[in-house]
Amino acid sequence: MQRLVLASGNEGKLREFRRLLAPLGIEVVTQASLGIPEADEPHVTFVENALAKARHASALAHLPALADDSGVCVAALGGAPGVQSARYAGEPKSDARNNAKLVQALAGVADRRAHYACVLVLVRHPGDPEPIVAEGRWHGRIVDAPRGTGGFGYDPQFEDLETGLTGAELPLERKNELSHRGKAMRALLARLAEEER
């Protein structure tokens, strides 16, 4: 596999995946660069949405496709915003409005435990009967005041338990070590390596 389509138009995700896949010599192109519209995400689970996105991109690009569905799950909110993370505050998507709504939802709540969840799905072709599915979680807590200028999404409000830094304060290399997406990607790469044997 030398080239695959990323079933996302998110520039932050594209940067992370390009960096992680570059050592394997895999070129990552976005579906947007190929004129492919985003797939619907009607499902209530990360894995179903990721699979739908991967199959959609693969069918239209005629390439293997990688999709992720990820979000932040807050214990005190019963796992919300979860699969609705990108559109938590409605359309159009806005990280700033999503973060503001999350902080407001937790006003006066002592329990700030949260985790990022990521499910990656790789299909070799649209009808792949054995997609590779990999998962990762990153545990932390939600803070009221945003900190840092890096990252995207909920990173300025999400404080890593191990370092005490938000996702937006962590250097990218360190974030890739700790993050849900980095963990899921390492699991996916391990599966790909197994297949090469």
N, C-alpha and C. Protein backbone atom coordinates (compact mmCIF):
# COMPACT_ATOMS: atom_id res chain seq x y z
N MET A 1 0.84 -1.18 0.00
CA MET A 1 0.00 0.00 0.00
C MET A 1 0.88 1.24 0.00
N GLN A 2 0.84 1.98 -1.08
CA GLN A 2 1.69 3.16 -1.19
C GLN A 2 0.92 4.46 -1.07
N ARG A 3 -0.41 4.38 -1.28
CA ARG A 3 -1.21 5.59 -1.26
C ARG A 3 -2.57 5.24 -0.68
N LEU A 4 -3.09 6.11 0.16
CA LEU A 4 -4.44 5.91 0.66
C LEU A 4 -5.14 7.25 0.80
N VAL A 5 -6.46 7.18 0.82
CA VAL A 5 -7.25 8.38 0.96
C VAL A 5 -7.72 8.48 2.41
N LEU A 6 -7.57 9.66 2.97
CA LEU A 6 -8.04 9.92 4.33
C LEU A 6 -9.46 10.45 4.22
N ALA A 7 -10.39 9.75 4.84
CA ALA A 7 -11.80 10.12 4.78
C ALA A 7 -12.10 11.23 5.77
N SER A 8 -11.44 12.36 5.55
CA SER A 8 -11.63 13.53 6.40
C SER A 8 -11.10 14.75 5.68
N GLY A 9 -11.65 15.90 5.99
CA GLY A 9 -11.10 17.14 5.46
C GLY A 9 -10.40 17.93 6.55
N ASN A 10 -10.29 17.33 7.74
CA ASN A 10 -9.71 18.01 8.90
C ASN A 10 -8.18 18.12 8.73
N GLU A 11 -7.69 19.36 8.65
CA GLU A 11 -6.25 19.58 8.42
C GLU A 11 -5.40 19.09 9.59
N GLY A 12 -5.92 19.21 10.81
CA GLY A 12 -5.18 18.71 11.97
C GLY A 12 -4.98 17.21 11.90
N LYS A 13 -6.03 16.49 11.54
CA LYS A 13 -5.93 15.04 11.41
C LYS A 13 -4.98 14.68 10.28
N LEU A 14 -5.07 15.40 9.16
CA LEU A 14 -4.20 15.12 8.03
C LEU A 14 -2.73 15.25 8.42
N ARG A 15 -2.39 16.31 9.16
CA ARG A 15 -1.00 16.49 9.60
C ARG A 15 -0.54 15.33 10.47
N GLU A 16 -1.41 14.93 11.41
CA GLU A 16 -1.04 13.83 12.32
C GLU A 16 -0.86 12.52 11.55
N PHE A 17 -1.79 12.19 10.65
CA PHE A 17 -1.69 10.93 9.92
C PHE A 17 -0.51 10.93 8.95
N ARG A 18 -0.26 12.04 8.29
CA ARG A 18 0.90 12.10 7.37
C ARG A 18 2.19 11.84 8.14
N ARG A 19 2.30 12.45 9.29
CA ARG A 19 3.51 12.28 10.11
C ARG A 19 3.66 10.82 10.56
N LEU A 20 2.56 10.20 10.96
CA LEU A 20 2.62 8.82 11.47
C LEU A 20 2.85 7.80 10.35
N LEU A 21 2.35 8.07 9.15
CA LEU A 21 2.46 7.10 8.06
C LEU A 21 3.68 7.31 7.17
N ALA A 22 4.29 8.49 7.26
CA ALA A 22 5.47 8.78 6.43
C ALA A 22 6.58 7.74 6.55
N PRO A 23 6.90 7.25 7.77
CA PRO A 23 7.97 6.26 7.88
C PRO A 23 7.70 4.96 7.11
N LEU A 24 6.43 4.68 6.81
CA LEU A 24 6.09 3.47 6.07
C LEU A 24 6.06 3.72 4.56
N GLY A 25 6.33 4.97 4.16
CA GLY A 25 6.30 5.30 2.75
C GLY A 25 4.90 5.35 2.16
N ILE A 26 3.90 5.60 3.03
CA ILE A 26 2.51 5.68 2.56
C ILE A 26 2.13 7.14 2.38
N GLU A 27 1.72 7.49 1.18
CA GLU A 27 1.27 8.84 0.88
C GLU A 27 -0.20 8.95 1.27
N VAL A 28 -0.54 10.01 1.99
CA VAL A 28 -1.92 10.23 2.42
C VAL A 28 -2.48 11.42 1.66
N VAL A 29 -3.61 11.19 0.97
CA VAL A 29 -4.31 12.28 0.30
C VAL A 29 -5.69 12.42 0.94
N THR A 30 -6.21 13.63 0.97
CA THR A 30 -7.53 13.82 1.57
C THR A 30 -8.62 13.59 0.53
N GLN A 31 -9.78 13.21 1.02
CA GLN A 31 -10.90 13.03 0.10
C GLN A 31 -11.29 14.37 -0.54
N ALA A 32 -11.12 15.46 0.20
CA ALA A 32 -11.46 16.78 -0.35
C ALA A 32 -10.59 17.12 -1.56
N SER A 33 -9.30 16.74 -1.49
CA SER A 33 -8.40 17.03 -2.61
C SER A 33 -8.78 16.25 -3.86
N LEU A 34 -9.57 15.18 -3.69
CA LEU A 34 -10.04 14.38 -4.81
C LEU A 34 -11.47 14.72 -5.19
N GLY A 35 -12.03 15.75 -4.55
CA GLY A 35 -13.39 16.17 -4.86
C GLY A 35 -14.47 15.28 -4.27
N ILE A 36 -14.11 14.52 -3.23
CA ILE A 36 -15.07 13.59 -2.61
C ILE A 36 -15.75 14.29 -1.43
N PRO A 37 -17.08 14.33 -1.43
CA PRO A 37 -17.79 14.97 -0.31
C PRO A 37 -17.72 14.10 0.94
N GLU A 38 -17.95 14.74 2.08
CA GLU A 38 -17.96 13.99 3.34
C GLU A 38 -19.13 13.02 3.36
N ALA A 39 -18.93 11.87 3.98
CA ALA A 39 -20.00 10.88 4.12
C ALA A 39 -20.93 11.29 5.26
N ASP A 40 -22.14 10.79 5.20
CA ASP A 40 -23.06 10.96 6.32
C ASP A 40 -22.52 10.16 7.51
N GLU A 41 -22.81 10.66 8.71
CA GLU A 41 -22.40 9.97 9.94
C GLU A 41 -23.64 9.79 10.82
N PRO A 42 -24.54 8.89 10.40
CA PRO A 42 -25.81 8.76 11.12
C PRO A 42 -25.77 7.85 12.34
N HIS A 43 -24.65 7.20 12.55
CA HIS A 43 -24.61 6.14 13.56
C HIS A 43 -24.32 6.68 14.97
N VAL A 44 -24.61 5.86 15.96
CA VAL A 44 -24.43 6.28 17.35
C VAL A 44 -23.12 5.77 17.95
N THR A 45 -22.34 5.01 17.16
CA THR A 45 -21.05 4.53 17.65
C THR A 45 -19.92 5.01 16.74
N PHE A 46 -18.75 5.16 17.33
CA PHE A 46 -17.57 5.59 16.58
C PHE A 46 -17.22 4.58 15.48
N VAL A 47 -17.30 3.28 15.80
CA VAL A 47 -16.86 2.27 14.83
C VAL A 47 -17.77 2.24 13.61
N GLU A 48 -19.08 2.39 13.79
CA GLU A 48 -19.98 2.38 12.63
C GLU A 48 -19.76 3.60 11.74
N ASN A 49 -19.57 4.76 12.35
CA ASN A 49 -19.32 5.96 11.57
C ASN A 49 -18.00 5.87 10.81
N ALA A 50 -16.95 5.38 11.47
CA ALA A 50 -15.64 5.26 10.81
C ALA A 50 -15.72 4.31 9.63
N LEU A 51 -16.40 3.20 9.80
CA LEU A 51 -16.52 2.23 8.71
C LEU A 51 -17.30 2.81 7.53
N ALA A 52 -18.38 3.52 7.82
CA ALA A 52 -19.17 4.15 6.75
C ALA A 52 -18.32 5.17 5.99
N LYS A 53 -17.53 5.96 6.71
CA LYS A 53 -16.69 6.97 6.06
C LYS A 53 -15.60 6.33 5.21
N ALA A 54 -14.98 5.25 5.72
CA ALA A 54 -13.91 4.59 4.98
C ALA A 54 -14.44 3.96 3.69
N ARG A 55 -15.56 3.27 3.78
CA ARG A 55 -16.13 2.63 2.58
C ARG A 55 -16.53 3.68 1.53
N HIS A 56 -17.11 4.77 1.98
CA HIS A 56 -17.53 5.86 1.09
C HIS A 56 -16.32 6.44 0.34
N ALA A 57 -15.25 6.77 1.07
CA ALA A 57 -14.07 7.36 0.44
C ALA A 57 -13.38 6.38 -0.50
N SER A 58 -13.28 5.12 -0.09
CA SER A 58 -12.63 4.11 -0.92
C SER A 58 -13.39 3.91 -2.23
N ALA A 59 -14.71 3.88 -2.15
CA ALA A 59 -15.52 3.65 -3.35
C ALA A 59 -15.34 4.77 -4.36
N LEU A 60 -15.28 6.01 -3.88
CA LEU A 60 -15.19 7.14 -4.80
C LEU A 60 -13.76 7.44 -5.25
N ALA A 61 -12.77 7.06 -4.43
CA ALA A 61 -11.37 7.34 -4.78
C ALA A 61 -10.69 6.18 -5.51
N HIS A 62 -11.29 4.98 -5.42
CA HIS A 62 -10.67 3.77 -5.98
C HIS A 62 -9.30 3.54 -5.36
N LEU A 63 -9.22 3.80 -4.06
CA LEU A 63 -7.98 3.62 -3.28
C LEU A 63 -8.33 2.99 -1.94
N PRO A 64 -7.34 2.42 -1.26
CA PRO A 64 -7.56 2.07 0.14
C PRO A 64 -7.92 3.35 0.90
N ALA A 65 -8.71 3.22 1.95
CA ALA A 65 -9.14 4.41 2.68
C ALA A 65 -8.99 4.20 4.18
N LEU A 66 -8.62 5.29 4.82
CA LEU A 66 -8.48 5.32 6.27
C LEU A 66 -9.46 6.36 6.81
N ALA A 67 -10.25 5.95 7.76
CA ALA A 67 -11.19 6.88 8.40
C ALA A 67 -11.05 6.77 9.89
N ASP A 68 -11.29 7.89 10.56
CA ASP A 68 -11.37 7.80 12.00
C ASP A 68 -12.65 8.47 12.42
N ASP A 69 -13.18 7.99 13.50
CA ASP A 69 -14.25 8.71 14.17
C ASP A 69 -13.78 8.84 15.60
N SER A 70 -13.82 10.04 16.08
CA SER A 70 -13.27 10.28 17.40
C SER A 70 -14.03 11.42 18.06
N GLY A 71 -13.86 11.49 19.34
CA GLY A 71 -14.52 12.56 20.08
C GLY A 71 -14.15 12.49 21.54
N VAL A 72 -14.66 13.45 22.27
CA VAL A 72 -14.41 13.50 23.70
C VAL A 72 -15.66 13.00 24.43
N CYS A 73 -15.45 12.15 25.40
CA CYS A 73 -16.54 11.53 26.17
C CYS A 73 -16.37 11.96 27.62
N VAL A 74 -17.36 12.66 28.15
CA VAL A 74 -17.28 13.23 29.49
C VAL A 74 -18.14 12.41 30.45
N ALA A 75 -17.51 11.93 31.52
CA ALA A 75 -18.19 11.04 32.46
C ALA A 75 -19.48 11.65 33.01
N ALA A 76 -19.41 12.89 33.47
CA ALA A 76 -20.57 13.54 34.10
C ALA A 76 -21.70 13.81 33.12
N LEU A 77 -21.42 13.72 31.82
CA LEU A 77 -22.43 13.96 30.79
C LEU A 77 -22.88 12.66 30.12
N GLY A 78 -22.63 11.54 30.79
CA GLY A 78 -23.05 10.25 30.26
C GLY A 78 -22.35 9.86 28.98
N GLY A 79 -21.12 10.36 28.79
CA GLY A 79 -20.35 10.05 27.58
C GLY A 79 -20.48 11.09 26.48
N ALA A 80 -21.34 12.08 26.67
CA ALA A 80 -21.47 13.16 25.68
C ALA A 80 -20.23 14.05 25.75
N PRO A 81 -19.91 14.78 24.70
CA PRO A 81 -20.59 14.81 23.41
C PRO A 81 -20.36 13.59 22.52
N GLY A 82 -19.36 12.75 22.80
CA GLY A 82 -19.18 11.49 22.08
C GLY A 82 -19.12 11.64 20.58
N VAL A 83 -19.96 10.86 19.87
CA VAL A 83 -19.91 10.90 18.40
C VAL A 83 -20.40 12.24 17.85
N GLN A 84 -21.02 13.05 18.68
CA GLN A 84 -21.48 14.37 18.26
C GLN A 84 -20.44 15.46 18.52
N SER A 85 -19.23 15.09 18.91
CA SER A 85 -18.22 16.07 19.33
C SER A 85 -18.00 17.19 18.33
N ALA A 86 -17.87 16.87 17.05
CA ALA A 86 -17.58 17.89 16.04
C ALA A 86 -18.74 18.87 15.84
N ARG A 87 -19.95 18.40 16.11
CA ARG A 87 -21.14 19.22 15.88
C ARG A 87 -21.92 19.48 17.17
N TYR A 88 -21.23 19.42 18.29
CA TYR A 88 -21.87 19.53 19.61
C TYR A 88 -22.68 20.82 19.74
N ALA A 89 -22.15 21.92 19.23
CA ALA A 89 -22.84 23.21 19.32
C ALA A 89 -23.62 23.53 18.03
N GLY A 90 -23.82 22.53 17.17
CA GLY A 90 -24.59 22.72 15.96
C GLY A 90 -23.74 23.10 14.75
N GLU A 91 -24.42 23.38 13.66
CA GLU A 91 -23.77 23.77 12.41
C GLU A 91 -23.72 25.29 12.30
N PRO A 92 -22.75 25.86 11.62
CA PRO A 92 -21.57 25.15 11.10
C PRO A 92 -20.66 24.73 12.25
N LYS A 93 -19.83 23.70 11.98
CA LYS A 93 -18.92 23.19 13.02
C LYS A 93 -18.01 24.32 13.51
N SER A 94 -17.81 24.37 14.82
CA SER A 94 -16.95 25.41 15.40
C SER A 94 -16.31 24.89 16.68
N ASP A 95 -14.97 24.79 16.68
CA ASP A 95 -14.27 24.35 17.88
C ASP A 95 -14.55 25.29 19.05
N ALA A 96 -14.55 26.58 18.79
CA ALA A 96 -14.75 27.56 19.86
C ALA A 96 -16.14 27.41 20.49
N ARG A 97 -17.17 27.27 19.67
CA ARG A 97 -18.52 27.13 20.20
C ARG A 97 -18.71 25.78 20.90
N ASN A 98 -18.08 24.73 20.36
CA ASN A 98 -18.16 23.41 21.00
C ASN A 98 -17.54 23.45 22.39
N ASN A 99 -16.36 24.07 22.49
CA ASN A 99 -15.68 24.16 23.79
C ASN A 99 -16.50 24.98 24.78
N ALA A 100 -17.05 26.09 24.31
CA ALA A 100 -17.86 26.94 25.19
C ALA A 100 -19.07 26.18 25.71
N LYS A 101 -19.73 25.41 24.84
CA LYS A 101 -20.91 24.64 25.25
C LYS A 101 -20.53 23.58 26.28
N LEU A 102 -19.36 22.93 26.07
CA LEU A 102 -18.91 21.89 27.00
C LEU A 102 -18.63 22.48 28.38
N VAL A 103 -17.93 23.58 28.42
CA VAL A 103 -17.62 24.23 29.71
C VAL A 103 -18.92 24.65 30.40
N GLN A 104 -19.85 25.18 29.63
CA GLN A 104 -21.14 25.59 30.20
C GLN A 104 -21.91 24.39 30.76
N ALA A 105 -21.87 23.27 30.04
CA ALA A 105 -22.57 22.06 30.49
C ALA A 105 -22.00 21.52 31.80
N LEU A 106 -20.72 21.84 32.06
CA LEU A 106 -20.06 21.34 33.28
C LEU A 106 -20.00 22.39 34.39
N ALA A 107 -20.67 23.52 34.19
CA ALA A 107 -20.66 24.56 35.22
C ALA A 107 -21.20 24.00 36.53
N GLY A 108 -20.41 24.15 37.60
CA GLY A 108 -20.81 23.68 38.92
C GLY A 108 -20.65 22.18 39.14
N VAL A 109 -20.13 21.46 38.14
CA VAL A 109 -19.94 20.01 38.25
C VAL A 109 -18.51 19.72 38.69
N ALA A 110 -18.38 18.97 39.78
CA ALA A 110 -17.04 18.67 40.31
C ALA A 110 -16.32 17.60 39.50
N ASP A 111 -17.06 16.63 39.02
CA ASP A 111 -16.47 15.51 38.27
C ASP A 111 -16.14 15.97 36.86
N ARG A 112 -14.85 16.14 36.57
CA ARG A 112 -14.41 16.63 35.26
C ARG A 112 -13.73 15.54 34.44
N ARG A 113 -13.85 14.28 34.87
CA ARG A 113 -13.20 13.19 34.15
C ARG A 113 -13.72 13.09 32.71
N ALA A 114 -12.79 12.87 31.79
CA ALA A 114 -13.14 12.74 30.38
C ALA A 114 -12.08 11.88 29.70
N HIS A 115 -12.44 11.36 28.56
CA HIS A 115 -11.43 10.72 27.71
C HIS A 115 -11.77 10.98 26.26
N TYR A 116 -10.71 11.08 25.49
CA TYR A 116 -10.86 11.10 24.05
C TYR A 116 -10.91 9.64 23.60
N ALA A 117 -11.79 9.34 22.66
CA ALA A 117 -11.86 8.01 22.05
C ALA A 117 -11.60 8.15 20.56
N CYS A 118 -10.90 7.19 20.01
CA CYS A 118 -10.64 7.18 18.57
C CYS A 118 -10.80 5.76 18.05
N VAL A 119 -11.56 5.62 16.99
CA VAL A 119 -11.63 4.35 16.27
C VAL A 119 -11.15 4.61 14.85
N LEU A 120 -10.14 3.88 14.43
CA LEU A 120 -9.62 3.95 13.07
C LEU A 120 -10.08 2.73 12.30
N VAL A 121 -10.49 2.95 11.06
CA VAL A 121 -10.86 1.85 10.19
C VAL A 121 -10.12 2.01 8.87
N LEU A 122 -9.43 0.95 8.46
CA LEU A 122 -8.74 0.92 7.18
C LEU A 122 -9.39 -0.14 6.31
N VAL A 123 -9.85 0.27 5.14
CA VAL A 123 -10.37 -0.70 4.16
C VAL A 123 -9.44 -0.69 2.95
N ARG A 124 -9.15 -1.86 2.45
CA ARG A 124 -8.27 -1.99 1.29
C ARG A 124 -9.03 -1.67 0.00
N HIS A 125 -10.36 -1.89 0.03
CA HIS A 125 -11.27 -1.58 -1.08
C HIS A 125 -12.66 -1.43 -0.47
N PRO A 126 -13.63 -0.87 -1.22
CA PRO A 126 -14.94 -0.55 -0.63
C PRO A 126 -15.66 -1.74 0.00
N GLY A 127 -15.50 -2.92 -0.59
CA GLY A 127 -16.20 -4.10 -0.07
C GLY A 127 -15.34 -4.98 0.83
N ASP A 128 -14.25 -4.45 1.33
CA ASP A 128 -13.32 -5.21 2.18
C ASP A 128 -14.08 -5.94 3.30
N PRO A 129 -14.04 -7.29 3.30
CA PRO A 129 -14.76 -8.03 4.34
C PRO A 129 -14.03 -8.06 5.69
N GLU A 130 -12.75 -7.67 5.66
CA GLU A 130 -11.97 -7.68 6.90
C GLU A 130 -11.27 -6.35 7.11
N PRO A 131 -12.04 -5.30 7.35
CA PRO A 131 -11.40 -4.01 7.62
C PRO A 131 -10.54 -4.10 8.87
N ILE A 132 -9.46 -3.35 8.88
CA ILE A 132 -8.65 -3.27 10.09
C ILE A 132 -9.26 -2.21 10.99
N VAL A 133 -9.56 -2.59 12.21
CA VAL A 133 -10.16 -1.67 13.17
C VAL A 133 -9.22 -1.55 14.36
N ALA A 134 -8.89 -0.33 14.72
CA ALA A 134 -7.99 -0.08 15.86
C ALA A 134 -8.57 1.04 16.72
N GLU A 135 -8.37 0.91 18.02
CA GLU A 135 -8.94 1.89 18.94
C GLU A 135 -7.87 2.46 19.87
N GLY A 136 -8.14 3.64 20.36
CA GLY A 136 -7.26 4.26 21.35
C GLY A 136 -8.06 5.18 22.26
N ARG A 137 -7.60 5.31 23.50
CA ARG A 137 -8.23 6.22 24.46
C ARG A 137 -7.15 7.07 25.12
N TRP A 138 -7.53 8.30 25.45
CA TRP A 138 -6.64 9.23 26.13
C TRP A 138 -7.43 9.83 27.29
N HIS A 139 -6.97 9.54 28.50
CA HIS A 139 -7.71 9.96 29.70
C HIS A 139 -7.22 11.32 30.21
N GLY A 140 -8.17 12.12 30.65
CA GLY A 140 -7.84 13.43 31.17
C GLY A 140 -9.02 14.02 31.91
N ARG A 141 -9.04 15.35 31.92
CA ARG A 141 -10.13 16.07 32.57
C ARG A 141 -10.38 17.36 31.81
N ILE A 142 -11.59 17.88 31.94
CA ILE A 142 -11.97 19.12 31.27
C ILE A 142 -11.68 20.30 32.20
N VAL A 143 -10.99 21.30 31.67
CA VAL A 143 -10.68 22.51 32.45
C VAL A 143 -11.53 23.66 31.92
N ASP A 144 -11.82 24.61 32.79
CA ASP A 144 -12.68 25.74 32.41
C ASP A 144 -11.99 26.73 31.48
N ALA A 145 -10.74 27.04 31.78
CA ALA A 145 -10.02 28.06 31.00
C ALA A 145 -9.17 27.38 29.92
N PRO A 146 -9.34 27.75 28.65
CA PRO A 146 -8.52 27.14 27.61
C PRO A 146 -7.05 27.50 27.78
N ARG A 147 -6.19 26.53 27.46
CA ARG A 147 -4.74 26.76 27.56
C ARG A 147 -4.05 26.18 26.34
N GLY A 148 -3.12 26.96 25.78
CA GLY A 148 -2.30 26.48 24.67
C GLY A 148 -2.80 26.94 23.32
N THR A 149 -1.93 26.83 22.34
CA THR A 149 -2.25 27.31 20.99
C THR A 149 -2.15 26.20 19.94
N GLY A 150 -1.71 25.02 20.33
CA GLY A 150 -1.59 23.92 19.38
C GLY A 150 -2.85 23.08 19.35
N GLY A 151 -2.78 21.99 18.61
CA GLY A 151 -3.89 21.05 18.56
C GLY A 151 -5.12 21.62 17.89
N PHE A 152 -6.24 20.95 18.10
CA PHE A 152 -7.51 21.36 17.52
C PHE A 152 -8.63 20.71 18.32
N GLY A 153 -9.85 21.01 17.98
CA GLY A 153 -10.98 20.42 18.68
C GLY A 153 -11.04 20.87 20.14
N TYR A 154 -11.14 19.91 21.03
CA TYR A 154 -11.26 20.20 22.46
C TYR A 154 -9.91 20.28 23.16
N ASP A 155 -8.82 20.22 22.40
CA ASP A 155 -7.47 20.19 23.01
C ASP A 155 -7.21 21.31 24.02
N PRO A 156 -7.65 22.55 23.80
CA PRO A 156 -7.36 23.60 24.80
C PRO A 156 -8.06 23.39 26.14
N GLN A 157 -9.13 22.60 26.15
CA GLN A 157 -9.90 22.37 27.39
C GLN A 157 -9.61 21.00 28.00
N PHE A 158 -8.83 20.16 27.29
CA PHE A 158 -8.61 18.78 27.73
C PHE A 158 -7.22 18.66 28.35
N GLU A 159 -7.18 18.44 29.66
CA GLU A 159 -5.92 18.35 30.40
C GLU A 159 -5.51 16.89 30.57
N ASP A 160 -4.34 16.56 30.08
CA ASP A 160 -3.78 15.22 30.21
C ASP A 160 -3.46 14.93 31.67
N LEU A 161 -3.85 13.76 32.15
CA LEU A 161 -3.63 13.41 33.56
C LEU A 161 -2.16 13.24 33.90
N GLU A 162 -1.40 12.70 32.94
CA GLU A 162 0.01 12.39 33.21
C GLU A 162 0.89 13.63 33.30
N THR A 163 0.69 14.58 32.38
CA THR A 163 1.58 15.74 32.31
C THR A 163 1.01 17.00 32.94
N GLY A 164 -0.31 17.06 33.10
CA GLY A 164 -0.94 18.28 33.59
C GLY A 164 -1.05 19.36 32.54
N LEU A 165 -0.69 19.03 31.30
CA LEU A 165 -0.80 19.98 30.18
C LEU A 165 -2.05 19.67 29.37
N THR A 166 -2.58 20.71 28.74
CA THR A 166 -3.70 20.45 27.84
C THR A 166 -3.16 19.91 26.52
N GLY A 167 -4.07 19.33 25.73
CA GLY A 167 -3.69 18.84 24.42
C GLY A 167 -3.12 19.94 23.54
N ALA A 168 -3.55 21.19 23.78
CA ALA A 168 -3.07 22.33 23.00
C ALA A 168 -1.72 22.85 23.48
N GLU A 169 -1.29 22.43 24.68
CA GLU A 169 0.01 22.84 25.21
C GLU A 169 1.11 21.83 24.90
N LEU A 170 0.74 20.61 24.59
CA LEU A 170 1.73 19.56 24.37
C LEU A 170 2.42 19.71 23.01
N PRO A 171 3.74 19.52 22.97
CA PRO A 171 4.42 19.46 21.66
C PRO A 171 3.83 18.29 20.87
N LEU A 172 3.79 18.42 19.54
CA LEU A 172 3.13 17.42 18.71
C LEU A 172 3.67 16.02 18.92
N GLU A 173 5.00 15.88 19.04
CA GLU A 173 5.58 14.54 19.23
C GLU A 173 5.06 13.90 20.53
N ARG A 174 5.01 14.71 21.59
CA ARG A 174 4.53 14.19 22.88
C ARG A 174 3.03 13.89 22.81
N LYS A 175 2.30 14.75 22.13
CA LYS A 175 0.86 14.52 21.98
C LYS A 175 0.61 13.21 21.24
N ASN A 176 1.40 12.93 20.19
CA ASN A 176 1.22 11.67 19.45
C ASN A 176 1.50 10.45 20.32
N GLU A 177 2.40 10.58 21.30
CA GLU A 177 2.67 9.47 22.22
C GLU A 177 1.48 9.20 23.14
N LEU A 178 0.84 10.27 23.60
CA LEU A 178 -0.21 10.16 24.61
C LEU A 178 -1.61 10.02 24.04
N SER A 179 -1.84 10.57 22.87
CA SER A 179 -3.21 10.77 22.40
C SER A 179 -3.91 9.49 21.97
N HIS A 180 -5.22 9.59 21.97
CA HIS A 180 -6.11 8.53 21.49
C HIS A 180 -5.78 8.15 20.05
N ARG A 181 -5.53 9.16 19.22
CA ARG A 181 -5.26 8.91 17.81
C ARG A 181 -3.90 8.26 17.63
N GLY A 182 -2.90 8.72 18.40
CA GLY A 182 -1.58 8.10 18.35
C GLY A 182 -1.61 6.64 18.77
N LYS A 183 -2.36 6.35 19.85
CA LYS A 183 -2.48 4.96 20.33
C LYS A 183 -3.19 4.09 19.30
N ALA A 184 -4.28 4.62 18.73
CA ALA A 184 -5.01 3.85 17.72
C ALA A 184 -4.14 3.63 16.48
N MET A 185 -3.37 4.65 16.11
CA MET A 185 -2.52 4.53 14.93
C MET A 185 -1.43 3.48 15.15
N ARG A 186 -0.83 3.46 16.34
CA ARG A 186 0.19 2.44 16.62
C ARG A 186 -0.41 1.04 16.56
N ALA A 187 -1.64 0.89 17.07
CA ALA A 187 -2.32 -0.41 17.00
C ALA A 187 -2.58 -0.79 15.54
N LEU A 188 -2.98 0.18 14.71
CA LEU A 188 -3.23 -0.07 13.30
C LEU A 188 -1.94 -0.46 12.59
N LEU A 189 -0.85 0.25 12.87
CA LEU A 189 0.43 -0.05 12.24
C LEU A 189 0.92 -1.45 12.62
N ALA A 190 0.67 -1.84 13.87
CA ALA A 190 1.05 -3.19 14.31
C ALA A 190 0.26 -4.25 13.52
N ARG A 191 -1.01 -3.99 13.28
CA ARG A 191 -1.81 -4.91 12.48
C ARG A 191 -1.31 -4.98 11.05
N LEU A 192 -0.97 -3.84 10.48
CA LEU A 192 -0.44 -3.82 9.11
C LEU A 192 0.88 -4.59 9.03
N ALA A 193 1.72 -4.44 10.05
CA ALA A 193 3.00 -5.16 10.06
C ALA A 193 2.79 -6.66 10.12
N GLU A 194 1.78 -7.09 10.89
CA GLU A 194 1.44 -8.52 10.96
C GLU A 194 1.06 -9.06 9.58
N GLU A 195 0.32 -8.27 8.83
CA GLU A 195 -0.14 -8.72 7.51
C GLU A 195 1.00 -8.84 6.52
N GLU A 196 2.07 -8.08 6.76
CA GLU A 196 3.21 -8.11 5.83
C GLU A 196 4.05 -9.36 6.01
N ARG A 197 3.85 -10.09 7.12
CA ARG A 197 4.68 -11.28 7.38
C ARG A 197 4.38 -12.40 6.41
